[in-house]
N, C-alpha and C. Protein backbone atom coordinates (compact mmCIF):
# COMPACT_ATOMS: atom_id res chain seq x y z
N MET A 1 36.50 165.60 96.76
CA MET A 1 35.96 164.73 95.74
C MET A 1 34.91 165.46 94.93
N GLY A 2 33.82 165.85 95.56
CA GLY A 2 32.79 166.53 94.81
C GLY A 2 31.54 166.71 95.64
N LEU A 3 30.61 167.46 95.09
CA LEU A 3 29.32 167.69 95.72
C LEU A 3 28.25 167.53 94.66
N TRP A 4 27.32 166.65 94.90
CA TRP A 4 26.25 166.39 93.94
C TRP A 4 24.92 166.69 94.60
N LEU A 5 24.09 167.44 93.91
CA LEU A 5 22.75 167.78 94.40
C LEU A 5 21.72 167.23 93.43
N GLY A 6 20.68 166.66 93.98
CA GLY A 6 19.61 166.13 93.14
C GLY A 6 18.26 166.29 93.83
N LYS A 7 17.20 166.19 93.06
CA LYS A 7 15.86 166.30 93.63
C LYS A 7 15.51 165.09 94.48
N ASN A 8 16.08 163.94 94.12
CA ASN A 8 15.82 162.73 94.90
C ASN A 8 17.07 161.85 94.85
N GLU A 9 17.03 160.80 95.61
CA GLU A 9 18.18 159.89 95.68
C GLU A 9 17.86 158.61 94.92
N SER A 10 17.56 158.76 93.66
CA SER A 10 17.16 157.63 92.83
C SER A 10 18.37 156.84 92.35
N TYR A 11 18.09 155.68 91.81
CA TYR A 11 19.13 154.84 91.21
C TYR A 11 19.88 155.63 90.14
N ALA A 12 19.15 156.32 89.26
CA ALA A 12 19.78 157.07 88.18
C ALA A 12 20.70 158.16 88.72
N PHE A 13 20.30 158.83 89.79
CA PHE A 13 21.14 159.87 90.39
C PHE A 13 22.45 159.27 90.88
N TRP A 14 22.37 158.17 91.63
CA TRP A 14 23.58 157.57 92.20
C TRP A 14 24.47 156.95 91.13
N VAL A 15 23.90 156.39 90.08
CA VAL A 15 24.72 155.88 88.98
C VAL A 15 25.49 157.03 88.34
N GLY A 16 24.83 158.18 88.20
CA GLY A 16 25.51 159.36 87.66
C GLY A 16 26.68 159.80 88.53
N VAL A 17 26.49 159.75 89.85
CA VAL A 17 27.57 160.10 90.77
C VAL A 17 28.72 159.12 90.63
N LEU A 18 28.41 157.83 90.58
CA LEU A 18 29.47 156.82 90.46
C LEU A 18 30.20 156.92 89.13
N ILE A 19 29.49 157.22 88.06
CA ILE A 19 30.14 157.40 86.75
C ILE A 19 31.08 158.61 86.79
N ASP A 20 30.64 159.68 87.46
CA ASP A 20 31.48 160.86 87.59
C ASP A 20 32.74 160.53 88.40
N LEU A 21 32.60 159.78 89.47
CA LEU A 21 33.76 159.39 90.26
C LEU A 21 34.71 158.52 89.44
N LYS A 22 34.15 157.63 88.63
CA LYS A 22 34.98 156.77 87.79
C LYS A 22 35.75 157.62 86.78
N ALA A 23 35.11 158.65 86.24
CA ALA A 23 35.77 159.54 85.28
C ALA A 23 36.92 160.31 85.94
N ARG A 24 36.86 160.47 87.26
CA ARG A 24 37.93 161.14 88.01
C ARG A 24 39.00 160.15 88.44
N VAL A 25 39.00 158.97 87.88
CA VAL A 25 40.00 157.93 88.09
C VAL A 25 39.95 157.34 89.50
N VAL A 26 38.76 157.22 90.05
CA VAL A 26 38.60 156.48 91.30
C VAL A 26 38.54 155.01 90.91
N GLY A 27 39.51 154.23 91.37
CA GLY A 27 39.61 152.83 90.97
C GLY A 27 38.51 151.97 91.56
N ASP A 28 38.47 151.89 92.87
CA ASP A 28 37.51 151.03 93.55
C ASP A 28 36.92 151.77 94.73
N ILE A 29 35.67 151.49 95.01
CA ILE A 29 35.03 151.96 96.24
C ILE A 29 34.88 150.72 97.11
N LEU A 30 35.65 150.68 98.18
CA LEU A 30 35.70 149.48 99.00
C LEU A 30 34.63 149.46 100.09
N ILE A 31 34.31 150.62 100.66
CA ILE A 31 33.35 150.69 101.75
C ILE A 31 32.41 151.85 101.51
N THR A 32 31.14 151.61 101.71
CA THR A 32 30.15 152.69 101.69
C THR A 32 29.33 152.62 102.97
N VAL A 33 28.95 153.78 103.46
CA VAL A 33 28.10 153.87 104.64
C VAL A 33 26.94 154.78 104.28
N THR A 34 25.73 154.26 104.38
CA THR A 34 24.54 155.05 104.05
C THR A 34 23.48 154.84 105.12
N ASP A 35 22.46 155.65 105.06
CA ASP A 35 21.33 155.48 105.96
C ASP A 35 20.16 154.85 105.20
N ASN A 36 20.46 153.72 104.53
CA ASN A 36 19.48 152.95 103.77
C ASN A 36 18.87 153.74 102.61
N LEU A 37 19.72 154.35 101.83
CA LEU A 37 19.27 155.08 100.65
C LEU A 37 18.83 154.07 99.59
N ASN A 38 17.57 154.06 99.26
CA ASN A 38 17.06 153.06 98.33
C ASN A 38 17.78 153.08 97.00
N GLY A 39 17.94 154.21 96.41
CA GLY A 39 18.60 154.29 95.11
C GLY A 39 20.04 153.85 95.16
N PHE A 40 20.75 154.21 96.23
CA PHE A 40 22.15 153.82 96.33
C PHE A 40 22.28 152.32 96.56
N THR A 41 21.42 151.79 97.40
CA THR A 41 21.45 150.35 97.68
C THR A 41 21.28 149.55 96.39
N GLU A 42 20.46 150.02 95.47
CA GLU A 42 20.24 149.35 94.19
C GLU A 42 21.49 149.36 93.31
N THR A 43 22.38 150.31 93.51
CA THR A 43 23.56 150.41 92.65
C THR A 43 24.65 149.42 93.02
N ARG A 44 24.57 148.83 94.20
CA ARG A 44 25.59 147.85 94.60
C ARG A 44 25.64 146.73 93.60
N GLY A 45 26.81 146.41 93.16
CA GLY A 45 26.99 145.34 92.20
C GLY A 45 26.80 145.77 90.75
N THR A 46 26.47 147.03 90.51
CA THR A 46 26.32 147.53 89.16
C THR A 46 27.71 147.64 88.52
N ASN A 47 27.85 147.08 87.36
CA ASN A 47 29.13 147.14 86.66
C ASN A 47 29.12 148.37 85.76
N LEU A 48 29.87 149.39 86.18
CA LEU A 48 29.89 150.64 85.41
C LEU A 48 31.01 150.60 84.44
């Protein structure tokens, strides 16, 4: 899929990752598993 590196795990970083995945024709992300990443948790429900 890909490898993304960032200085922090902010909302903006994770939105960028999700937009990149969408551009690669990923239809839906059904399950995510994280260790309580604040920025990623905020992206849930974001309509990209």
